[in-house]
Amino acid sequence: MFRYVHPGVGCAPKNNPTGEASHGGRRRSGLDMGMGTTEETQADSGVAGDPLAGLSLASEAPIGWRITIVCSIVALLETTAVGMAGGSLTAIQETFGLSDTLAGLIPSAAVLGSLAAAVPSAHLADNHKRVLVLGAAAVLWTLVVVGSALAPVFAVFLFTRVLLGAAGQLNNPAASSLIADAHPARARARAYGYERMANYLGLPLGIAVGAALSDAFGWRTAFVVLAAPGVLAVLAVLTLREPARGLGDMLDRRGRELPETAAAGDAPASADVEAGATDDDGDGRPPTIAQFRMLWAIPTMRILLVGIPVLFSALASLFFWSTAYFEEVHSLAESEAGGIAGGVGGTGIVIGIIIGSRMGDRHHGNRAGWRLRLAGTALLAGSAFFAAFVLLPSLPAQAAAFGMSNVFIAMAIPNLTAAVADVVPAHMRGMAFSSVQFLLAFGSAAGPPLVGATSDLFGSLRPAMAVLLIPLAISAEWVRRGAHRFDDDAEAVISNAR
């Protein structure tokens, strides 16, 4: 296996056992790859190569919010393409002559792409310049969207969904790792909240836009229109500059060691921190299977690697079938049903993520196992409202229950994502998020076909949607059970940050 060490990332090559990253005979600040810290800043700090030089230990975004904003835009576009298939599902079924069972394969095809990209995406995120990985994912996504619009037969359309899964798998580990380095732990739920909000807002946005454009111009036009902002996203990604790996953890550790300085807001010039020394010793990483075993050995990661995929098996089905559900149960036009599913669902996601991310960060570190306790409780409440959504007869009541279900489910999302970054060392976060994304893709792929097959069996989507209560309830209880180990695992990461 080849190994690439980028200057400034801090992987210690064999001829440089100190872990210093060098370039042109000088040591580089951790922000040389991030926000353009100059040699003058290094000189002023008094310690060459200190990745924290000139940064505010009290800031929630010491190098700014640009990384999180651009990653959020890419996530929004990526899932908008997923939502569009749901919003224009009836038209796609008519074009290709699909049953509900075959239509349920559309989101499931993504798991094949995720499978193919799982190992490469982890390796690239942990070993290469992550902004380039993110750019490659955005380019692939743009090409996939155009390919979807041009698909002459269902097999080709299905293949474009495979590639869409590969793009998502490629994007997620790199983006998640970048966000973790751009923010200390106390602000990660909010940072991930914005990125996840964009990610899941793309689903209802795609449903609403896809349904409207499909009704007005045809579903193929809907996908062509979506490709245009993809080009702008690629350009935005390529303007990013990369932070030192593990920067957020180093800020947390420095803040604990020097609370007086942290309160004042300036990083001291005399602290002994090696640039990017959160990576390995340069002798090469263990094989992929061994890395996954290391992740599995972290108790909280075992909870997350099971709980998140189970949750998304329900969430993916909920959004994919919601437009068709409102069409069938209330005899609505596709645009009307898509407007309700997308508008109500999207509003619920925004509200839920804002509330959940703020609550998660506010009490993180102050209340035992807070991130997971909050997430599990919110999922239980979301399950109750989802049951009401399925059982209530009137459209207004169903729409209200659908919205509240999305609020509570969305409250869990930023906290589960932040928990992954909190309990995994910086040099393994690419593998961690790649593993979560891969298993999440399996969960997301399993739900929609199950709903479609159940609908064909009973002749109605109402009992089929009720099946989703099972994974929702299981994920809620499973996540709550992991709360008692979370604090110990998170503390170990900060204590070992260098």
Protein backbone atom coordinates (compact mmCIF):
# COMPACT_ATOMS: atom_id res chain seq x y z
CA MET A 1 0.00 0.00 0.00
CA PHE A 2 1.41 3.37 -0.98
CA ARG A 3 1.51 6.15 1.56
CA TYR A 4 1.44 9.85 0.77
CA VAL A 5 2.49 12.38 3.40
CA HIS A 6 1.35 15.91 2.67
CA PRO A 7 3.52 18.74 4.03
CA GLY A 8 1.96 20.27 7.13
CA VAL A 9 -0.26 17.30 7.98
CA GLY A 10 2.33 16.10 10.47
CA CYS A 11 2.85 12.42 9.58
CA ALA A 12 6.37 11.70 10.73
CA PRO A 13 8.47 10.23 7.91
CA LYS A 14 11.09 7.67 8.77
CA ASN A 15 13.90 10.16 8.43
CA ASN A 16 12.10 12.64 10.68
CA PRO A 17 11.20 10.81 13.91
CA THR A 18 10.27 14.01 15.72
CA GLY A 19 7.07 14.32 13.73
CA GLU A 20 7.98 17.73 12.31
CA ALA A 21 6.37 18.56 9.00
CA SER A 22 8.82 20.32 6.77
CA HIS A 23 8.66 22.23 3.52
CA GLY A 24 11.47 24.10 1.92
CA GLY A 25 13.67 23.71 5.01
CA ARG A 26 11.27 25.31 7.45
CA ARG A 27 8.68 23.97 9.86
CA ARG A 28 5.14 24.95 9.04
CA SER A 29 2.39 26.18 11.32
CA GLY A 30 -0.71 24.02 11.57
CA LEU A 31 -2.58 26.80 9.81
CA ASP A 32 -0.13 27.02 6.90
CA MET A 33 -2.51 24.52 5.34
CA GLY A 34 -5.55 26.10 6.93
CA MET A 35 -5.87 29.87 6.95
CA GLY A 36 -2.53 30.95 5.59
CA THR A 37 -0.60 31.67 8.79
CA THR A 38 2.63 33.39 7.79
CA GLU A 39 6.22 32.92 8.84
CA GLU A 40 5.96 36.30 10.57
CA THR A 41 3.16 34.91 12.75
CA GLN A 42 5.38 31.96 13.63
CA ALA A 43 8.19 34.28 14.56
CA ASP A 44 5.90 36.41 16.68
CA SER A 45 4.62 33.31 18.49
CA GLY A 46 8.08 32.40 19.65
CA VAL A 47 7.71 28.71 18.80
CA ALA A 48 8.18 27.64 15.20
CA GLY A 49 5.76 24.98 14.08
CA ASP A 50 3.22 25.45 16.89
CA PRO A 51 -0.11 24.69 15.14
CA LEU A 52 -1.98 26.74 17.74
CA ALA A 53 0.10 29.89 17.34
CA GLY A 54 -2.09 32.97 17.10
CA LEU A 55 -5.35 31.07 17.60
CA SER A 56 -7.99 31.86 20.21
CA LEU A 57 -8.51 28.97 22.58
CA ALA A 58 -11.88 30.43 23.56
CA SER A 59 -13.22 30.56 19.99
CA GLU A 60 -15.74 28.05 18.66
CA ALA A 61 -14.21 28.44 15.18
CA PRO A 62 -10.51 29.37 15.58
CA ILE A 63 -9.88 29.21 11.83
CA GLY A 64 -13.34 30.43 10.81
CA TRP A 65 -16.51 28.79 9.52
CA ARG A 66 -15.57 28.59 5.86
CA ILE A 67 -14.78 24.87 5.88
CA THR A 68 -18.09 24.03 7.55
CA ILE A 69 -20.06 26.29 5.19
CA VAL A 70 -18.57 24.81 2.00
CA CYS A 71 -18.94 21.24 3.29
CA SER A 72 -22.57 22.06 4.07
CA ILE A 73 -23.19 23.29 0.53
CA VAL A 74 -21.74 20.10 -0.95
CA ALA A 75 -23.87 18.00 1.42
CA LEU A 76 -27.01 19.94 0.50
CA LEU A 77 -26.54 19.36 -3.22
CA GLU A 78 -25.64 15.70 -2.76
CA THR A 79 -28.82 14.81 -0.90
CA THR A 80 -30.99 17.07 -3.05
CA ALA A 81 -30.26 14.64 -5.88
CA VAL A 82 -31.39 11.79 -3.62
CA GLY A 83 -34.60 13.63 -2.68
CA MET A 84 -35.40 14.45 -6.31
CA ALA A 85 -35.82 10.77 -7.08
CA GLY A 86 -38.46 10.58 -4.35
CA GLY A 87 -40.20 13.79 -5.42
CA SER A 88 -40.49 12.66 -9.04
CA LEU A 89 -40.93 8.97 -8.22
CA THR A 90 -44.35 8.58 -9.80
CA ALA A 91 -43.12 10.07 -13.08
CA ILE A 92 -40.00 7.88 -13.02
CA GLN A 93 -42.17 4.80 -12.41
CA GLU A 94 -44.37 5.73 -15.37
CA THR A 95 -41.36 6.30 -17.64
CA PHE A 96 -39.75 2.95 -16.88
CA GLY A 97 -42.89 0.95 -15.95
CA LEU A 98 -41.81 0.15 -12.38
CA SER A 99 -43.70 -1.54 -9.56
CA ASP A 100 -43.30 -0.26 -5.99
CA THR A 101 -40.87 -3.10 -5.30
CA LEU A 102 -38.61 -2.14 -8.22
CA ALA A 103 -38.92 1.56 -7.35
CA GLY A 104 -37.67 0.72 -3.87
CA LEU A 105 -34.38 -0.36 -5.45
CA ILE A 106 -33.59 3.23 -6.51
CA PRO A 107 -32.22 4.39 -3.12
CA SER A 108 -30.88 0.91 -2.40
CA ALA A 109 -28.57 0.99 -5.44
CA ALA A 110 -26.41 3.54 -3.62
CA VAL A 111 -25.11 0.84 -1.30
CA LEU A 112 -23.14 -0.74 -4.14
CA GLY A 113 -21.32 2.53 -4.78
CA SER A 114 -20.77 2.98 -1.08
CA LEU A 115 -19.30 -0.52 -0.88
CA ALA A 116 -16.88 0.15 -3.73
CA ALA A 117 -15.73 3.49 -2.28
CA ALA A 118 -15.60 2.55 1.42
CA VAL A 119 -11.93 1.59 1.71
CA PRO A 120 -10.56 4.19 -0.75
CA SER A 121 -12.54 7.00 0.90
CA ALA A 122 -11.16 6.14 4.34
CA HIS A 123 -7.59 5.92 3.05
CA LEU A 124 -7.85 9.18 1.13
CA ALA A 125 -9.39 11.08 4.06
CA ASP A 126 -6.73 9.88 6.52
CA ASN A 127 -3.69 10.14 4.23
CA HIS A 128 -4.27 12.78 1.55
CA LYS A 129 -5.29 16.40 1.24
CA ARG A 130 -8.94 16.30 2.16
CA VAL A 131 -10.06 19.35 0.19
CA LEU A 132 -8.99 17.58 -3.01
CA VAL A 133 -10.96 14.49 -2.01
CA LEU A 134 -13.97 16.71 -1.36
CA GLY A 135 -13.54 18.35 -4.78
CA ALA A 136 -13.37 14.97 -6.51
CA ALA A 137 -16.62 13.94 -4.80
CA ALA A 138 -18.32 17.15 -5.98
CA VAL A 139 -17.18 16.55 -9.58
CA LEU A 140 -18.47 12.96 -9.49
CA TRP A 141 -21.79 14.12 -8.07
CA THR A 142 -22.26 16.67 -10.87
CA LEU A 143 -21.59 14.06 -13.55
CA VAL A 144 -23.98 11.61 -11.88
CA VAL A 145 -26.83 14.14 -11.88
CA VAL A 146 -26.41 14.75 -15.61
CA GLY A 147 -26.23 11.00 -16.21
CA SER A 148 -29.49 10.48 -14.33
CA ALA A 149 -31.28 12.92 -16.62
CA LEU A 150 -29.92 11.21 -19.74
CA ALA A 151 -30.62 7.61 -18.67
CA PRO A 152 -32.46 5.83 -21.56
CA VAL A 153 -33.50 2.76 -19.54
CA PHE A 154 -34.02 1.92 -15.88
CA ALA A 155 -30.76 -0.08 -15.65
CA VAL A 156 -28.75 2.99 -16.61
CA PHE A 157 -30.70 5.19 -14.19
CA LEU A 158 -30.08 2.64 -11.45
CA PHE A 159 -26.35 2.68 -12.24
CA THR A 160 -26.26 6.46 -11.78
CA ARG A 161 -27.63 5.90 -8.28
CA VAL A 162 -24.75 3.50 -7.65
CA LEU A 163 -22.35 6.29 -8.58
CA LEU A 164 -24.28 8.70 -6.37
CA GLY A 165 -23.61 6.36 -3.45
CA ALA A 166 -19.90 6.36 -4.32
CA ALA A 167 -19.85 10.17 -4.36
CA GLY A 168 -21.48 10.32 -0.93
CA GLN A 169 -19.06 7.76 0.47
CA LEU A 170 -16.11 9.71 -0.93
CA ASN A 171 -17.35 13.04 0.43
CA ASN A 172 -18.42 12.18 3.96
CA PRO A 173 -15.17 11.02 5.64
CA ALA A 174 -13.12 13.91 4.24
CA ALA A 175 -15.73 16.57 5.06
CA SER A 176 -16.40 15.20 8.56
CA SER A 177 -12.68 15.00 9.33
CA LEU A 178 -12.15 18.59 8.18
CA ILE A 179 -15.00 19.88 10.33
CA ALA A 180 -13.64 18.06 13.39
CA ASP A 181 -10.27 19.78 12.92
CA ALA A 182 -11.87 23.19 12.39
CA HIS A 183 -13.73 23.20 15.73
CA PRO A 184 -13.05 22.16 19.34
CA ALA A 185 -15.35 19.55 20.89
CA ARG A 186 -17.55 22.10 22.64
CA ALA A 187 -18.71 23.48 19.28
CA ARG A 188 -18.83 20.33 17.17
CA ALA A 189 -22.52 19.59 17.53
CA ARG A 190 -23.28 23.02 16.11
CA ALA A 191 -20.73 22.66 13.31
CA TYR A 192 -21.95 19.19 12.40
CA GLY A 193 -25.48 20.45 12.94
CA TYR A 194 -25.12 22.98 10.14
CA GLU A 195 -23.56 20.39 7.82
CA ARG A 196 -26.11 17.70 8.72
CA MET A 197 -28.94 20.23 8.45
CA ALA A 198 -27.86 20.98 4.91
CA ASN A 199 -27.45 17.28 4.24
CA TYR A 200 -30.93 16.33 5.40
CA LEU A 201 -32.57 19.51 4.22
CA GLY A 202 -31.52 18.37 0.76
CA LEU A 203 -33.92 15.43 1.03
CA PRO A 204 -37.16 17.42 1.45
CA LEU A 205 -35.81 20.17 -0.82
CA GLY A 206 -35.20 17.60 -3.51
CA ILE A 207 -38.65 16.13 -2.95
CA ALA A 208 -40.37 19.51 -3.27
CA VAL A 209 -38.29 20.80 -6.19
CA GLY A 210 -38.32 17.44 -7.92
CA ALA A 211 -42.10 17.15 -7.66
CA ALA A 212 -42.69 20.71 -8.89
CA LEU A 213 -40.26 20.51 -11.82
CA SER A 214 -41.43 17.02 -12.71
CA ASP A 215 -45.04 18.20 -12.91
CA ALA A 216 -44.11 21.29 -14.93
CA PHE A 217 -41.29 20.14 -17.21
CA GLY A 218 -40.68 16.43 -16.66
CA TRP A 219 -38.39 14.61 -14.26
CA ARG A 220 -35.37 14.67 -16.60
CA THR A 221 -35.38 18.47 -16.65
CA ALA A 222 -35.38 18.48 -12.86
CA PHE A 223 -32.05 16.65 -12.77
CA VAL A 224 -30.48 18.83 -15.47
CA VAL A 225 -31.36 22.00 -13.51
CA LEU A 226 -29.69 20.56 -10.41
CA ALA A 227 -26.36 20.03 -12.19
CA ALA A 228 -25.66 23.78 -12.55
CA PRO A 229 -24.95 24.53 -8.86
CA GLY A 230 -22.72 21.46 -8.78
CA VAL A 231 -20.13 23.29 -10.88
CA LEU A 232 -20.15 26.22 -8.43
CA ALA A 233 -19.72 23.79 -5.52
CA VAL A 234 -16.59 22.33 -7.13
CA LEU A 235 -15.06 25.81 -7.44
CA ALA A 236 -15.94 26.64 -3.82
CA VAL A 237 -14.27 23.46 -2.54
CA LEU A 238 -11.05 24.19 -4.42
CA THR A 239 -10.71 27.55 -2.61
CA LEU A 240 -10.46 25.85 0.81
CA ARG A 241 -7.17 25.53 2.66
CA GLU A 242 -6.57 22.60 4.94
CA PRO A 243 -6.03 22.77 8.73
CA ALA A 244 -3.50 20.67 10.62
CA ARG A 245 -4.87 17.23 11.38
CA GLY A 246 -6.12 17.03 14.98
CA LEU A 247 -6.19 20.82 15.45
CA GLY A 248 -9.53 20.82 17.30
CA ASP A 249 -8.34 18.21 19.82
CA MET A 250 -5.09 20.12 20.43
CA LEU A 251 -7.12 23.26 21.16
CA ASP A 252 -9.19 21.34 23.71
CA ARG A 253 -6.13 19.92 25.42
CA ARG A 254 -4.30 23.26 25.51
CA GLY A 255 -7.39 24.93 26.93
CA ARG A 256 -7.54 22.39 29.76
CA GLU A 257 -3.85 22.63 30.55
CA LEU A 258 -3.88 26.43 30.61
CA PRO A 259 -7.37 27.57 31.66
CA GLU A 260 -6.23 31.07 32.46
CA THR A 261 -4.86 31.52 28.96
CA ALA A 262 -7.95 29.93 27.45
CA ALA A 263 -10.11 32.47 29.26
CA ALA A 264 -7.94 35.27 27.92
CA GLY A 265 -8.36 33.84 24.44
CA ASP A 266 -4.75 33.58 23.20
CA ALA A 267 -2.62 30.50 22.67
CA PRO A 268 0.69 30.75 24.54
CA ALA A 269 3.91 30.94 22.57
CA SER A 270 5.88 28.55 24.76
CA ALA A 271 3.72 25.44 24.70
CA ASP A 272 5.44 22.28 23.50
CA VAL A 273 3.15 21.04 20.73
CA GLU A 274 4.50 19.42 17.59
CA ALA A 275 2.79 20.41 14.34
CA GLY A 276 0.21 17.83 13.39
CA ALA A 277 1.65 15.18 15.70
CA THR A 278 -1.67 13.42 15.93
CA ASP A 279 -0.78 11.12 13.07
CA ASP A 280 1.12 7.85 13.18
CA ASP A 281 4.87 7.27 13.32
CA GLY A 282 5.33 7.14 9.57
CA ASP A 283 5.86 3.38 9.37
CA GLY A 284 2.50 2.95 7.70
CA ARG A 285 -0.99 2.35 9.01
CA PRO A 286 -2.33 -1.07 9.97
CA PRO A 287 -4.42 -2.88 7.35
CA THR A 288 -8.01 -1.75 6.87
CA ILE A 289 -9.50 -4.66 8.80
CA ALA A 290 -7.14 -3.99 11.70
CA GLN A 291 -8.15 -0.32 11.68
CA PHE A 292 -11.82 -1.27 11.82
CA ARG A 293 -11.10 -3.58 14.76
CA MET A 294 -9.45 -0.64 16.52
CA LEU A 295 -12.62 1.38 15.97
CA TRP A 296 -14.77 -1.49 17.19
CA ALA A 297 -12.68 -1.66 20.36
CA ILE A 298 -13.98 1.80 21.32
CA PRO A 299 -17.21 1.09 23.26
CA THR A 300 -19.06 4.19 22.07
CA MET A 301 -18.17 3.47 18.44
CA ARG A 302 -19.77 0.03 18.73
CA ILE A 303 -22.99 1.75 19.73
CA LEU A 304 -22.75 4.28 16.89
CA LEU A 305 -21.77 1.76 14.22
CA VAL A 306 -24.97 -0.16 14.96
CA GLY A 307 -27.38 2.56 16.03
CA ILE A 308 -26.83 5.06 13.20
CA PRO A 309 -27.42 2.56 10.33
CA VAL A 310 -30.57 1.23 12.00
CA LEU A 311 -31.88 4.78 12.39
CA PHE A 312 -31.22 5.62 8.76
CA SER A 313 -32.97 2.54 7.48
CA ALA A 314 -36.12 4.24 8.80
CA LEU A 315 -35.21 7.83 7.93
CA ALA A 316 -34.31 7.08 4.29
CA SER A 317 -37.59 5.19 3.84
CA LEU A 318 -39.57 7.98 5.46
CA PHE A 319 -38.33 10.57 2.98
CA PHE A 320 -38.26 8.36 -0.08
CA TRP A 321 -41.87 7.23 0.29
CA SER A 322 -43.46 10.27 1.96
CA THR A 323 -44.57 11.95 -1.29
CA ALA A 324 -46.11 8.72 -2.62
CA TYR A 325 -47.72 8.15 0.80
CA PHE A 326 -49.51 11.53 0.79
CA GLU A 327 -50.51 10.97 -2.84
CA GLU A 328 -52.04 7.57 -2.09
CA VAL A 329 -53.70 8.19 1.27
CA HIS A 330 -55.15 11.63 0.45
CA SER A 331 -55.42 11.46 -3.37
CA LEU A 332 -53.15 14.47 -3.90
CA ALA A 333 -51.30 15.51 -7.05
CA GLU A 334 -47.56 14.78 -7.05
CA SER A 335 -46.65 18.46 -6.69
CA GLU A 336 -49.06 18.92 -3.75
CA ALA A 337 -47.85 15.80 -1.98
CA GLY A 338 -44.22 16.74 -2.60
CA GLY A 339 -44.84 20.24 -1.29
CA ILE A 340 -46.25 18.87 1.98
CA ALA A 341 -43.59 16.18 2.41
CA GLY A 342 -40.74 18.52 1.49
CA GLY A 343 -42.02 21.67 3.17
CA VAL A 344 -43.15 20.15 6.44
CA GLY A 345 -40.29 17.65 6.57
CA GLY A 346 -37.67 20.27 5.75
CA THR A 347 -38.99 22.70 8.34
CA GLY A 348 -38.93 19.96 10.94
CA ILE A 349 -35.34 19.07 10.11
CA VAL A 350 -34.14 22.68 10.38
CA ILE A 351 -35.87 23.23 13.71
CA GLY A 352 -34.72 19.91 15.12
CA ILE A 353 -31.07 20.29 14.15
CA ILE A 354 -30.87 23.84 15.49
CA ILE A 355 -32.37 22.80 18.82
CA GLY A 356 -30.44 19.53 19.05
CA SER A 357 -27.06 21.01 18.19
CA ARG A 358 -27.40 23.84 20.68
CA MET A 359 -28.60 21.55 23.46
CA GLY A 360 -25.86 19.05 22.66
CA ASP A 361 -23.03 21.58 22.90
CA ARG A 362 -24.47 23.45 25.87
CA HIS A 363 -24.25 20.48 28.23
CA HIS A 364 -21.42 18.51 26.61
CA GLY A 365 -18.84 17.77 29.28
CA ASN A 366 -21.17 18.92 32.07
CA ARG A 367 -23.72 16.10 32.08
CA ALA A 368 -22.74 12.45 31.92
CA GLY A 369 -23.08 10.92 28.46
CA TRP A 370 -25.08 13.94 27.39
CA ARG A 371 -24.77 13.67 23.60
CA LEU A 372 -26.07 10.10 23.48
CA ARG A 373 -28.68 10.53 26.21
CA LEU A 374 -30.12 13.51 24.35
CA ALA A 375 -30.04 11.68 21.00
CA GLY A 376 -31.72 8.56 22.36
CA THR A 377 -34.47 10.51 24.13
CA ALA A 378 -35.16 12.58 21.01
CA LEU A 379 -35.42 9.42 18.90
CA LEU A 380 -37.97 7.94 21.30
CA ALA A 381 -40.09 11.08 21.00
CA GLY A 382 -39.69 11.01 17.22
CA SER A 383 -40.89 7.41 17.15
CA ALA A 384 -44.05 8.36 19.04
CA PHE A 385 -44.89 11.15 16.61
CA PHE A 386 -44.14 8.87 13.67
CA ALA A 387 -46.70 6.39 15.01
CA ALA A 388 -49.22 9.23 15.12
CA PHE A 389 -48.31 10.15 11.53
CA VAL A 390 -49.17 6.65 10.36
CA LEU A 391 -52.35 6.21 12.43
CA LEU A 392 -54.08 9.61 12.30
CA PRO A 393 -56.73 9.87 9.55
CA SER A 394 -56.84 13.58 8.61
CA LEU A 395 -54.29 15.33 6.41
CA PRO A 396 -53.61 18.29 8.78
CA ALA A 397 -53.06 15.96 11.73
CA GLN A 398 -50.80 13.70 9.69
CA ALA A 399 -48.77 16.63 8.38
CA ALA A 400 -48.33 18.01 11.91
CA ALA A 401 -47.23 14.60 13.26
CA PHE A 402 -44.88 14.17 10.30
CA GLY A 403 -43.28 17.53 11.05
CA MET A 404 -42.86 16.83 14.78
CA SER A 405 -41.39 13.41 14.04
CA ASN A 406 -38.78 15.10 11.86
CA VAL A 407 -38.03 17.67 14.59
CA PHE A 408 -37.17 15.05 17.19
CA ILE A 409 -35.32 12.69 14.84
CA ALA A 410 -33.26 15.64 13.56
CA MET A 411 -32.32 16.60 17.12
CA ALA A 412 -30.35 13.35 17.36
CA ILE A 413 -28.40 13.73 14.11
CA PRO A 414 -25.79 16.41 14.99
CA ASN A 415 -25.13 14.81 18.36
CA LEU A 416 -24.54 11.36 16.88
CA THR A 417 -22.22 12.85 14.27
CA ALA A 418 -20.29 14.89 16.85
CA ALA A 419 -20.02 11.82 19.06
CA VAL A 420 -18.09 9.99 16.31
CA ALA A 421 -15.54 12.82 16.15
CA ASP A 422 -15.38 13.09 19.95
CA VAL A 423 -14.43 9.46 20.62
CA VAL A 424 -12.09 8.72 17.68
CA PRO A 425 -8.47 10.01 17.42
CA ALA A 426 -7.83 12.50 14.60
CA HIS A 427 -5.67 10.15 12.51
CA MET A 428 -8.50 7.57 12.37
CA ARG A 429 -11.48 9.82 11.75
CA GLY A 430 -11.47 9.18 8.02
CA MET A 431 -11.85 5.47 8.69
CA ALA A 432 -14.46 6.14 11.39
CA PHE A 433 -16.69 8.31 9.22
CA SER A 434 -16.17 6.05 6.21
CA SER A 435 -17.29 3.05 8.27
CA VAL A 436 -20.33 4.91 9.58
CA GLN A 437 -21.21 6.15 6.08
CA PHE A 438 -20.82 2.67 4.60
CA LEU A 439 -23.02 0.99 7.22
CA LEU A 440 -25.44 3.93 7.01
CA ALA A 441 -25.71 3.28 3.27
CA PHE A 442 -26.60 -0.34 3.99
CA GLY A 443 -29.26 0.76 6.45
CA SER A 444 -30.62 3.35 4.04
CA ALA A 445 -30.69 0.74 1.27
CA ALA A 446 -32.54 -1.84 3.35
CA GLY A 447 -35.52 0.31 4.34
CA PRO A 448 -37.10 1.53 1.05
CA PRO A 449 -37.34 -1.91 -0.63
CA LEU A 450 -38.87 -3.32 2.56
CA VAL A 451 -41.51 -0.60 2.52
CA GLY A 452 -42.12 -1.13 -1.20
CA ALA A 453 -42.48 -4.90 -0.87
CA THR A 454 -44.80 -4.52 2.15
CA SER A 455 -46.89 -2.03 0.16
CA ASP A 456 -47.22 -4.49 -2.73
CA LEU A 457 -48.12 -7.25 -0.26
CA PHE A 458 -50.89 -5.30 1.51
CA GLY A 459 -51.87 -3.07 -1.40
CA SER A 460 -51.29 0.09 0.67
CA LEU A 461 -48.44 2.22 1.91
CA ARG A 462 -50.03 2.83 5.32
CA PRO A 463 -49.15 -0.56 6.87
CA ALA A 464 -45.83 -0.49 5.00
CA MET A 465 -44.82 2.80 6.66
CA ALA A 466 -45.83 1.41 10.06
CA VAL A 467 -43.02 -1.14 9.74
CA LEU A 468 -40.52 1.71 10.15
CA LEU A 469 -41.46 2.05 13.82
CA ILE A 470 -39.36 -1.03 14.54
CA PRO A 471 -35.93 0.37 13.52
CA LEU A 472 -36.77 3.77 15.01
CA ALA A 473 -37.50 2.29 18.44
CA ILE A 474 -34.48 -0.03 18.31
CA SER A 475 -32.06 2.77 17.44
CA ALA A 476 -33.44 5.01 20.20
CA GLU A 477 -32.92 2.44 22.95
CA TRP A 478 -29.55 1.29 21.60
CA VAL A 479 -28.15 4.82 21.54
CA ARG A 480 -29.36 5.54 25.07
CA ARG A 481 -27.54 2.45 26.33
CA GLY A 482 -24.22 3.74 25.04
CA ALA A 483 -24.30 6.96 27.05
CA HIS A 484 -22.47 5.56 30.09
CA ARG A 485 -19.22 4.97 28.16
CA PHE A 486 -19.18 8.13 26.06
CA ASP A 487 -17.39 10.47 28.49
CA ASP A 488 -14.48 8.07 29.10
CA ASP A 489 -13.95 7.53 25.37
CA ALA A 490 -14.07 11.26 24.60
CA GLU A 491 -11.67 12.10 27.43
CA ALA A 492 -9.13 9.58 26.11
CA VAL A 493 -9.01 11.38 22.74
CA ILE A 494 -8.35 14.81 24.28
CA SER A 495 -5.81 13.47 26.77
CA ASN A 496 -3.74 11.93 23.98
CA ALA A 497 -3.95 14.88 21.57
CA ARG A 498 -0.57 16.27 20.52
